[in-house]
Amino acid sequence: MDTSFVSGRVNQALLFSPTNNSFFQSQCYSYNRQSATYTFSLWIYPQNILRGGSIIHVSFLQNGNGTLCYDLLSLTANGELVVQIVHNTSLTIAVQGPVLPNDTWTHVTVIYSYFSGVRLLLNGTVTNFYPNTVYGLYFYIYTYQQLYITLGNNRPAGAPLPSCLVGSLPIVSGAFSGMIDEFRLFMRELTGDEICQLVNP
């Protein structure tokens, strides 16, 4: 971790500075089965959306690289939010959201379920979705090895630039400029009431 704590949307947030190459990293266990369902949510406060940036990066290796690595949530050069989901070893599905406002807290929820596909919600409202496919989408499809989840960067501690899976949308991976608060990962589909509680803490 190479970031600082500041006053956030809910209690304290993580402040990410591209000049310091800051990041926050943790490990999680895989969820390797076709019926996998998960939800992740967080508050984000971009301070320079035109820089792009990796908001959530997933990788086999601690340095951000590995057989499996990709930006789960990222920005384009225009500040559009993009969700990427691994479909198979050669394809990453990309779901595009709107341009995020600078210096404003926005709540982001992404839900994947085996039957419903991917849904992107901003401040509790669905803004885009991708229907499921015959093979299903996987949060993690290779082995039962742990994954690293890195917030705010795709290159922890200035590691060499990773060569990772990229979908059809032109994301700009790298250091994110801004704040992240209340990142949560649930291995189930949240209900509308549960999402409402996260959006209105």
Protein backbone atom coordinates (compact mmCIF):
# COMPACT_ATOMS: atom_id res chain seq x y z
CA MET A 1 0.00 0.00 0.00
CA ASP A 2 1.36 3.41 -0.96
CA THR A 3 -1.52 5.80 -0.45
CA SER A 4 -3.01 7.99 2.26
CA PHE A 5 -6.24 8.15 4.23
CA VAL A 6 -8.39 11.27 3.91
CA SER A 7 -11.95 12.26 4.76
CA GLY A 8 -14.19 10.30 2.41
CA ARG A 9 -17.81 9.82 1.42
CA VAL A 10 -18.30 7.42 4.34
CA ASN A 11 -15.73 7.92 7.10
CA GLN A 12 -12.24 7.69 5.55
CA ALA A 13 -11.25 7.17 1.92
CA LEU A 14 -8.05 6.21 0.11
CA LEU A 15 -6.39 9.05 -1.80
CA PHE A 16 -4.48 8.01 -4.93
CA SER A 17 -1.83 10.22 -6.49
CA PRO A 18 -0.38 9.41 -9.93
CA THR A 19 2.82 11.28 -9.08
CA ASN A 20 3.44 8.91 -6.15
CA ASN A 21 2.37 5.81 -8.10
CA SER A 22 0.06 5.01 -5.19
CA PHE A 23 -2.03 1.86 -4.89
CA PHE A 24 -3.84 -0.39 -2.40
CA GLN A 25 -3.66 -4.16 -2.74
CA SER A 26 -5.27 -7.23 -1.20
CA GLN A 27 -5.77 -10.91 -2.01
CA CYS A 28 -9.00 -12.79 -2.54
CA TYR A 29 -9.88 -16.42 -3.18
CA SER A 30 -11.09 -17.57 -6.56
CA TYR A 31 -14.69 -18.45 -7.30
CA ASN A 32 -14.20 -21.05 -9.97
CA ARG A 33 -17.57 -22.43 -11.08
CA GLN A 34 -20.05 -21.60 -13.82
CA SER A 35 -22.75 -20.52 -11.40
CA ALA A 36 -20.46 -17.82 -9.99
CA THR A 37 -22.29 -14.68 -8.96
CA TYR A 38 -20.71 -11.60 -7.46
CA THR A 39 -21.22 -7.91 -6.79
CA PHE A 40 -18.68 -5.22 -6.14
CA SER A 41 -19.40 -1.68 -5.09
CA LEU A 42 -17.44 1.43 -4.22
CA TRP A 43 -17.52 5.21 -4.08
CA ILE A 44 -15.13 6.97 -6.47
CA TYR A 45 -14.09 10.62 -6.61
CA PRO A 46 -12.03 11.30 -9.75
CA GLN A 47 -9.82 14.38 -9.65
CA ASN A 48 -8.59 14.24 -13.25
CA ILE A 49 -10.72 11.97 -15.42
CA LEU A 50 -8.80 12.80 -18.60
CA ARG A 51 -5.81 10.87 -17.22
CA GLY A 52 -7.80 7.63 -17.43
CA GLY A 53 -6.61 5.18 -14.81
CA SER A 54 -7.09 1.70 -13.37
CA ILE A 55 -9.67 1.80 -10.58
CA ILE A 56 -9.77 -1.97 -9.90
CA HIS A 57 -7.06 -4.23 -11.34
CA VAL A 58 -7.09 -8.03 -11.00
CA SER A 59 -4.00 -10.20 -11.45
CA PHE A 60 -2.40 -13.57 -10.73
CA LEU A 61 0.81 -11.92 -9.56
CA GLN A 62 1.43 -9.28 -6.94
CA ASN A 63 3.16 -7.03 -9.48
CA GLY A 64 -0.09 -6.68 -11.47
CA ASN A 65 0.89 -9.16 -14.16
CA GLY A 66 0.48 -12.90 -14.67
CA THR A 67 -1.39 -15.40 -16.82
CA LEU A 68 -4.58 -13.61 -15.87
CA CYS A 69 -4.54 -9.84 -15.44
CA TYR A 70 -6.98 -7.15 -16.46
CA ASP A 71 -8.63 -3.92 -15.31
CA LEU A 72 -11.96 -4.89 -13.83
CA LEU A 73 -12.92 -1.20 -13.61
CA SER A 74 -11.13 1.54 -15.51
CA LEU A 75 -11.47 4.89 -17.28
CA THR A 76 -11.00 5.91 -20.91
CA ALA A 77 -9.08 9.03 -21.95
CA ASN A 78 -12.44 10.82 -22.10
CA GLY A 79 -13.33 9.86 -18.54
CA GLU A 80 -15.87 7.17 -19.43
CA LEU A 81 -16.22 4.35 -16.92
CA VAL A 82 -15.58 0.85 -18.30
CA VAL A 83 -16.22 -2.55 -16.70
CA GLN A 84 -14.26 -5.49 -18.13
CA ILE A 85 -15.11 -9.14 -17.49
CA VAL A 86 -13.03 -12.13 -18.56
CA HIS A 87 -15.05 -14.41 -20.82
CA ASN A 88 -12.37 -16.83 -21.98
CA THR A 89 -8.63 -16.81 -22.49
CA SER A 90 -8.83 -14.60 -25.58
CA LEU A 91 -11.75 -12.25 -24.94
CA THR A 92 -12.56 -9.62 -22.37
CA ILE A 93 -16.10 -8.24 -22.46
CA ALA A 94 -16.32 -4.48 -21.95
CA VAL A 95 -19.37 -2.60 -20.64
CA GLN A 96 -19.24 1.17 -21.03
CA GLY A 97 -20.70 3.69 -18.64
CA PRO A 98 -21.01 7.48 -18.86
CA VAL A 99 -18.32 10.12 -18.35
CA LEU A 100 -17.78 10.56 -14.63
CA PRO A 101 -17.80 14.07 -13.16
CA ASN A 102 -14.60 15.43 -11.67
CA ASP A 103 -14.50 16.24 -7.95
CA THR A 104 -17.81 14.49 -7.27
CA TRP A 105 -18.56 11.29 -5.36
CA THR A 106 -20.24 8.64 -7.55
CA HIS A 107 -21.37 5.27 -6.26
CA VAL A 108 -20.58 2.37 -8.61
CA THR A 109 -22.10 -1.10 -8.37
CA VAL A 110 -21.32 -3.95 -10.76
CA ILE A 111 -23.35 -7.16 -10.57
CA TYR A 112 -22.58 -10.36 -12.42
CA SER A 113 -24.90 -13.32 -12.29
CA TYR A 114 -24.69 -16.46 -14.40
CA PHE A 115 -28.22 -16.00 -15.73
CA SER A 116 -28.43 -12.21 -16.05
CA GLY A 117 -24.97 -11.21 -17.24
CA VAL A 118 -23.31 -7.94 -16.19
CA ARG A 119 -25.11 -4.86 -14.89
CA LEU A 120 -23.46 -1.49 -14.24
CA LEU A 121 -25.22 0.82 -11.80
CA LEU A 122 -24.31 4.41 -10.96
CA ASN A 123 -25.84 5.85 -7.80
CA GLY A 124 -28.23 2.90 -7.73
CA THR A 125 -29.50 3.24 -11.32
CA VAL A 126 -28.67 0.76 -14.10
CA THR A 127 -26.74 2.58 -16.83
CA ASN A 128 -25.68 -0.37 -18.99
CA PHE A 129 -25.73 -4.16 -19.11
CA TYR A 130 -24.30 -7.09 -21.04
CA PRO A 131 -26.47 -10.22 -21.34
CA ASN A 132 -24.99 -13.57 -20.45
CA THR A 133 -23.43 -15.85 -23.07
CA VAL A 134 -23.52 -19.61 -23.58
CA TYR A 135 -20.23 -20.15 -21.74
CA GLY A 136 -20.97 -17.86 -18.84
CA LEU A 137 -18.68 -15.15 -17.56
CA TYR A 138 -16.02 -15.85 -15.00
CA PHE A 139 -14.50 -13.69 -12.32
CA TYR A 140 -11.68 -16.22 -12.37
CA ILE A 141 -11.52 -19.23 -14.68
CA TYR A 142 -8.07 -20.78 -14.57
CA THR A 143 -7.18 -22.41 -11.23
CA TYR A 144 -8.00 -22.06 -7.56
CA GLN A 145 -4.98 -19.82 -7.00
CA GLN A 146 -5.60 -16.58 -5.14
CA LEU A 147 -6.02 -13.36 -7.09
CA TYR A 148 -4.58 -9.97 -6.24
CA ILE A 149 -6.99 -7.05 -6.34
CA THR A 150 -5.24 -3.70 -6.70
CA LEU A 151 -7.08 -0.40 -6.30
CA GLY A 152 -5.95 2.77 -8.03
CA ASN A 153 -3.21 1.32 -10.23
CA ASN A 154 -2.26 -1.57 -12.49
CA ARG A 155 1.44 -1.44 -11.57
CA PRO A 156 1.89 -1.77 -7.81
CA ALA A 157 5.05 -0.07 -6.55
CA GLY A 158 6.12 0.87 -10.06
CA ALA A 159 6.39 -2.71 -11.31
CA PRO A 160 7.05 -3.25 -15.04
CA LEU A 161 4.11 -2.39 -17.26
CA PRO A 162 1.89 -5.48 -17.44
CA SER A 163 0.64 -6.94 -20.69
CA CYS A 164 -2.93 -7.74 -19.75
CA LEU A 165 -6.27 -8.62 -21.32
CA VAL A 166 -8.12 -5.67 -22.84
CA GLY A 167 -11.65 -5.54 -24.21
CA SER A 168 -13.01 -3.63 -27.18
CA LEU A 169 -13.09 -0.22 -25.48
CA PRO A 170 -9.99 2.04 -25.36
CA ILE A 171 -9.27 2.16 -21.64
CA VAL A 172 -6.21 3.95 -20.27
CA SER A 173 -4.62 1.70 -17.66
CA GLY A 174 -2.30 3.15 -15.05
CA ALA A 175 -2.38 5.37 -12.00
CA PHE A 176 -5.81 6.70 -10.98
CA SER A 177 -6.07 10.27 -9.68
CA GLY A 178 -8.68 10.68 -6.96
CA MET A 179 -10.29 8.92 -4.02
CA ILE A 180 -11.90 5.52 -3.47
CA ASP A 181 -14.14 4.73 -0.51
CA GLU A 182 -16.09 1.73 0.77
CA PHE A 183 -14.87 -0.86 -1.73
CA ARG A 184 -16.80 -4.07 -1.11
CA LEU A 185 -16.85 -7.46 -2.84
CA PHE A 186 -19.78 -9.82 -2.33
CA MET A 187 -19.86 -13.35 -3.72
CA ARG A 188 -23.58 -13.05 -4.42
CA GLU A 189 -26.04 -10.78 -6.22
CA LEU A 190 -27.14 -7.86 -4.05
CA THR A 191 -30.81 -6.95 -3.91
CA GLY A 192 -32.15 -3.55 -4.84
CA ASP A 193 -32.71 -2.73 -1.17
CA GLU A 194 -29.12 -3.65 -0.30
CA ILE A 195 -27.76 -1.47 -3.11
CA CYS A 196 -30.00 1.39 -1.95
CA GLN A 197 -28.48 1.14 1.53
CA LEU A 198 -24.96 1.36 0.09
CA VAL A 199 -25.89 4.37 -2.06
CA ASN A 200 -27.55 6.11 0.91
CA PRO A 201 -25.32 5.31 3.91
